[in-house]
Structures are given as C-alpha cells and as structure tokens.
Amino acid sequence: MMHHLLTISLINESGYIMGDTEKRFLLRLSQQLYEKLAAEATEKNKSVNAYIVSLLEDAEGDTNFEHRQFIGRAIAGKNIYVESGLVMVSGIYYRYLIDDNSHVDKRARYTVIEANGNILTLRKIKE
C-alpha cells in the first residue's frame, strides 16, 4: 500500500500563522485518501495543506462542552418533565425541545440530537 507523507503547516486562510509559530508535522495518508483530499482541495482552489488546515479549523469550532457531553446520549422519557419544561441528564436539569414538536411519551426513550447552551434538542427513538 502506498502512503503519502505530507508536512502540514498550521496557517489559516488569512495567512496568519496559528499560535504565532508555524507548526509542522508529518501525516501519513493512503493513496486513496490523498487523492480524495487533493480533488476536494482543487475544487476549493486550495492546496492540500490549506484544505486540511481548513477542515481542522472547522472541526475545532464545532465542539463545545455540551456537544461533547450530550450528543447521542439516550434519555428515558420519565426524565422529561413537561410541566417545568426541563429534562434531567446526569443529575442536571436542562431546558429541552422535541425536534418534531410532538408530545412527550414517558414510556419512550429519546436521544439528544443537538445541544445549544442549556437547551437540548431531543428526538424520540423509534422502536
């Protein structure tokens, strides 16, 4: 299997060197992955290096504490309190929304599909 070795320079699109110092490291990629990244980079009129850096920057910006802790977590319907508009997750109460605006089924299970501050968006798990 052929691998490509890339030196990644962490520089954002405006040319600012991240952390005031350029960081470089080697990244081993399969031929197939390299070709895919190269094609996507070409479509966006970027070098492979700049494209990978932009992917890393985008991924880094999408994570917050709530997102890492709650997305995908299953919650019993009995832990959703309709009267107060709260749901209990790991002993802490959060406001919630049901993604399709349906009524809460206390016998069902729900999964967290989005977390924004102290508001969790829940979706009923189909059984």
C-alpha atoms as a PDB file:
ATOM      1  CA  MET A   1       0.000   0.000   0.000  1.00  0.00           C
ATOM      2  CA  MET A   2       1.398   3.379  -0.993  1.00  0.00           C
ATOM      3  CA  HIS A   3       1.312   6.234   1.523  1.00  0.00           C
ATOM      4  CA  HIS A   4       1.905   9.929   1.063  1.00  0.00           C
ATOM      5  CA  LEU A   5       3.821  11.902   3.660  1.00  0.00           C
ATOM      6  CA  LEU A   6       2.654  15.482   3.956  1.00  0.00           C
ATOM      7  CA  THR A   7       4.102  18.248   6.030  1.00  0.00           C
ATOM      8  CA  ILE A   8       1.179  20.185   7.460  1.00  0.00           C
ATOM      9  CA  SER A   9       1.688  23.863   8.213  1.00  0.00           C
ATOM     10  CA  LEU A  10      -0.945  25.257  10.535  1.00  0.00           C
ATOM     11  CA  ILE A  11      -1.708  28.567   8.828  1.00  0.00           C
ATOM     12  CA  ASN A  12      -5.265  29.822   8.500  1.00  0.00           C
ATOM     13  CA  GLU A  13      -6.810  31.218   5.297  1.00  0.00           C
ATOM     14  CA  SER A  14      -5.804  34.807   6.054  1.00  0.00           C
ATOM     15  CA  GLY A  15      -2.177  33.716   6.210  1.00  0.00           C
ATOM     16  CA  TYR A  16      -1.935  34.121   9.980  1.00  0.00           C
ATOM     17  CA  ILE A  17       0.393  31.551  11.440  1.00  0.00           C
ATOM     18  CA  MET A  18      -1.541  29.811  14.188  1.00  0.00           C
ATOM     19  CA  GLY A  19      -0.047  30.339  17.633  1.00  0.00           C
ATOM     20  CA  ASP A  20       2.450  32.896  16.236  1.00  0.00           C
ATOM     21  CA  THR A  21       4.702  29.983  15.324  1.00  0.00           C
ATOM     22  CA  GLU A  22       4.288  27.708  12.377  1.00  0.00           C
ATOM     23  CA  LYS A  23       3.867  24.111  13.499  1.00  0.00           C
ATOM     24  CA  ARG A  24       4.765  21.318  11.130  1.00  0.00           C
ATOM     25  CA  PHE A  25       4.277  17.588  11.361  1.00  0.00           C
ATOM     26  CA  LEU A  26       4.223  14.591   9.056  1.00  0.00           C
ATOM     27  CA  LEU A  27       0.915  12.982   8.222  1.00  0.00           C
ATOM     28  CA  ARG A  28       0.719   9.552   6.594  1.00  0.00           C
ATOM     29  CA  LEU A  29      -2.168   9.174   4.151  1.00  0.00           C
ATOM     30  CA  SER A  30      -3.212   6.268   1.966  1.00  0.00           C
ATOM     31  CA  GLN A  31      -3.105   6.928  -1.770  1.00  0.00           C
ATOM     32  CA  GLN A  32      -6.908   6.789  -1.905  1.00  0.00           C
ATOM     33  CA  LEU A  33      -7.368   9.338   0.902  1.00  0.00           C
ATOM     34  CA  TYR A  34      -4.719  11.641  -0.543  1.00  0.00           C
ATOM     35  CA  GLU A  35      -6.402  11.589  -3.957  1.00  0.00           C
ATOM     36  CA  LYS A  36      -9.778  12.364  -2.384  1.00  0.00           C
ATOM     37  CA  LEU A  37      -8.343  15.276  -0.378  1.00  0.00           C
ATOM     38  CA  ALA A  38      -6.422  16.560  -3.404  1.00  0.00           C
ATOM     39  CA  ALA A  39      -9.591  16.529  -5.540  1.00  0.00           C
ATOM     40  CA  GLU A  40     -11.592  18.366  -2.854  1.00  0.00           C
ATOM     41  CA  ALA A  41      -8.769  20.884  -2.387  1.00  0.00           C
ATOM     42  CA  THR A  42      -8.664  21.533  -6.132  1.00  0.00           C
ATOM     43  CA  GLU A  43     -12.447  22.122  -6.170  1.00  0.00           C
ATOM     44  CA  LYS A  44     -11.998  24.744  -3.445  1.00  0.00           C
ATOM     45  CA  ASN A  45      -8.967  26.276  -5.171  1.00  0.00           C
ATOM     46  CA  LYS A  46      -6.693  25.428  -2.228  1.00  0.00           C
ATOM     47  CA  SER A  47      -3.527  23.468  -1.713  1.00  0.00           C
ATOM     48  CA  VAL A  48      -3.896  20.116   0.026  1.00  0.00           C
ATOM     49  CA  ASN A  49      -2.189  21.630   3.077  1.00  0.00           C
ATOM     50  CA  ALA A  50      -4.528  24.658   3.199  1.00  0.00           C
ATOM     51  CA  TYR A  51      -7.549  22.401   2.690  1.00  0.00           C
ATOM     52  CA  ILE A  52      -6.585  20.082   5.562  1.00  0.00           C
ATOM     53  CA  VAL A  53      -5.964  23.093   7.831  1.00  0.00           C
ATOM     54  CA  SER A  54      -9.420  24.487   6.948  1.00  0.00           C
ATOM     55  CA  LEU A  55     -11.012  21.104   7.772  1.00  0.00           C
ATOM     56  CA  LEU A  56      -9.246  21.071  11.140  1.00  0.00           C
ATOM     57  CA  GLU A  57     -10.301  24.650  11.901  1.00  0.00           C
ATOM     58  CA  ASP A  58     -13.931  23.870  11.017  1.00  0.00           C
ATOM     59  CA  ALA A  59     -13.944  20.725  13.161  1.00  0.00           C
ATOM     60  CA  GLU A  60     -12.379  22.529  16.122  1.00  0.00           C
ATOM     61  CA  GLY A  61     -15.050  25.224  16.028  1.00  0.00           C
ATOM     62  CA  ASP A  62     -17.946  22.747  16.168  1.00  0.00           C
ATOM     63  CA  THR A  63     -17.198  21.359  19.579  1.00  0.00           C
ATOM     64  CA  ASN A  64     -18.236  22.698  22.920  1.00  0.00           C
ATOM     65  CA  PHE A  65     -18.762  21.090  26.290  1.00  0.00           C
ATOM     66  CA  GLU A  66     -22.469  20.439  25.729  1.00  0.00           C
ATOM     67  CA  HIS A  67     -21.876  18.953  22.300  1.00  0.00           C
ATOM     68  CA  ARG A  68     -19.177  16.568  23.508  1.00  0.00           C
ATOM     69  CA  GLN A  69     -21.121  15.503  26.604  1.00  0.00           C
ATOM     70  CA  PHE A  70     -24.655  15.061  25.287  1.00  0.00           C
ATOM     71  CA  ILE A  71     -24.965  14.418  21.554  1.00  0.00           C
ATOM     72  CA  GLY A  72     -26.194  10.868  21.000  1.00  0.00           C
ATOM     73  CA  ARG A  73     -26.982  10.225  24.658  1.00  0.00           C
ATOM     74  CA  ALA A  74     -30.193   8.255  25.309  1.00  0.00           C
ATOM     75  CA  ILE A  75     -32.672   9.612  27.857  1.00  0.00           C
ATOM     76  CA  ALA A  76     -35.702   7.879  29.361  1.00  0.00           C
ATOM     77  CA  GLY A  77     -38.997   9.698  28.813  1.00  0.00           C
ATOM     78  CA  LYS A  78     -39.597   9.588  32.571  1.00  0.00           C
ATOM     79  CA  ASN A  79     -36.699  12.070  32.941  1.00  0.00           C
ATOM     80  CA  ILE A  80     -38.526  14.687  30.854  1.00  0.00           C
ATOM     81  CA  TYR A  81     -40.668  16.995  32.976  1.00  0.00           C
ATOM     82  CA  VAL A  82     -43.310  18.556  30.737  1.00  0.00           C
ATOM     83  CA  GLU A  83     -44.760  20.812  33.445  1.00  0.00           C
ATOM     84  CA  SER A  84     -41.472  22.628  34.035  1.00  0.00           C
ATOM     85  CA  GLY A  85     -40.066  22.233  30.515  1.00  0.00           C
ATOM     86  CA  LEU A  86     -36.953  20.526  31.880  1.00  0.00           C
ATOM     87  CA  VAL A  87     -35.112  17.283  31.206  1.00  0.00           C
ATOM     88  CA  MET A  88     -32.707  15.658  33.650  1.00  0.00           C
ATOM     89  CA  VAL A  89     -29.395  14.435  32.233  1.00  0.00           C
ATOM     90  CA  SER A  90     -26.750  13.040  34.592  1.00  0.00           C
ATOM     91  CA  GLY A  91     -28.489  14.667  37.553  1.00  0.00           C
ATOM     92  CA  ILE A  92     -28.570  18.146  35.974  1.00  0.00           C
ATOM     93  CA  TYR A  93     -31.683  19.844  34.606  1.00  0.00           C
ATOM     94  CA  TYR A  94     -31.725  21.405  31.125  1.00  0.00           C
ATOM     95  CA  ARG A  95     -34.402  23.054  29.050  1.00  0.00           C
ATOM     96  CA  TYR A  96     -35.430  20.947  26.081  1.00  0.00           C
ATOM     97  CA  LEU A  97     -37.145  20.954  22.704  1.00  0.00           C
ATOM     98  CA  ILE A  98     -38.604  17.921  20.925  1.00  0.00           C
ATOM     99  CA  ASP A  99     -37.433  18.010  17.304  1.00  0.00           C
ATOM    100  CA  ASP A 100     -40.865  17.288  15.780  1.00  0.00           C
ATOM    101  CA  ASN A 101     -42.868  19.210  18.442  1.00  0.00           C
ATOM    102  CA  SER A 102     -44.675  16.010  19.465  1.00  0.00           C
ATOM    103  CA  HIS A 103     -45.912  15.333  22.979  1.00  0.00           C
ATOM    104  CA  VAL A 104     -43.533  13.598  25.379  1.00  0.00           C
ATOM    105  CA  ASP A 105     -44.081   9.854  25.713  1.00  0.00           C
ATOM    106  CA  LYS A 106     -42.974   8.924  29.249  1.00  0.00           C
ATOM    107  CA  ARG A 107     -42.518   5.263  28.186  1.00  0.00           C
ATOM    108  CA  ALA A 108     -40.280   6.090  25.215  1.00  0.00           C
ATOM    109  CA  ARG A 109     -36.569   6.778  25.009  1.00  0.00           C
ATOM    110  CA  TYR A 110     -35.139   9.908  23.436  1.00  0.00           C
ATOM    111  CA  THR A 111     -31.741  10.806  22.056  1.00  0.00           C
ATOM    112  CA  VAL A 112     -30.050  14.194  22.215  1.00  0.00           C
ATOM    113  CA  ILE A 113     -29.507  15.434  18.660  1.00  0.00           C
ATOM    114  CA  GLU A 114     -28.361  18.985  19.434  1.00  0.00           C
ATOM    115  CA  ALA A 115     -27.052  20.958  22.393  1.00  0.00           C
ATOM    116  CA  ASN A 116     -27.030  24.733  22.407  1.00  0.00           C
ATOM    117  CA  GLY A 117     -26.129  26.272  25.742  1.00  0.00           C
ATOM    118  CA  ASN A 118     -28.564  24.880  28.301  1.00  0.00           C
ATOM    119  CA  ILE A 119     -31.133  23.785  25.696  1.00  0.00           C
ATOM    120  CA  LEU A 120     -31.107  20.189  24.443  1.00  0.00           C
ATOM    121  CA  THR A 121     -32.999  19.089  21.338  1.00  0.00           C
ATOM    122  CA  LEU A 122     -34.420  15.592  21.736  1.00  0.00           C
ATOM    123  CA  ARG A 123     -35.694  13.047  19.212  1.00  0.00           C
ATOM    124  CA  LYS A 124     -37.853  10.065  20.090  1.00  0.00           C
ATOM    125  CA  ILE A 125     -36.084   6.772  19.394  1.00  0.00           C
ATOM    126  CA  LYS A 126     -38.251   4.623  17.135  1.00  0.00           C
ATOM    127  CA  GLU A 127     -38.528   1.066  18.378  1.00  0.00           C
END
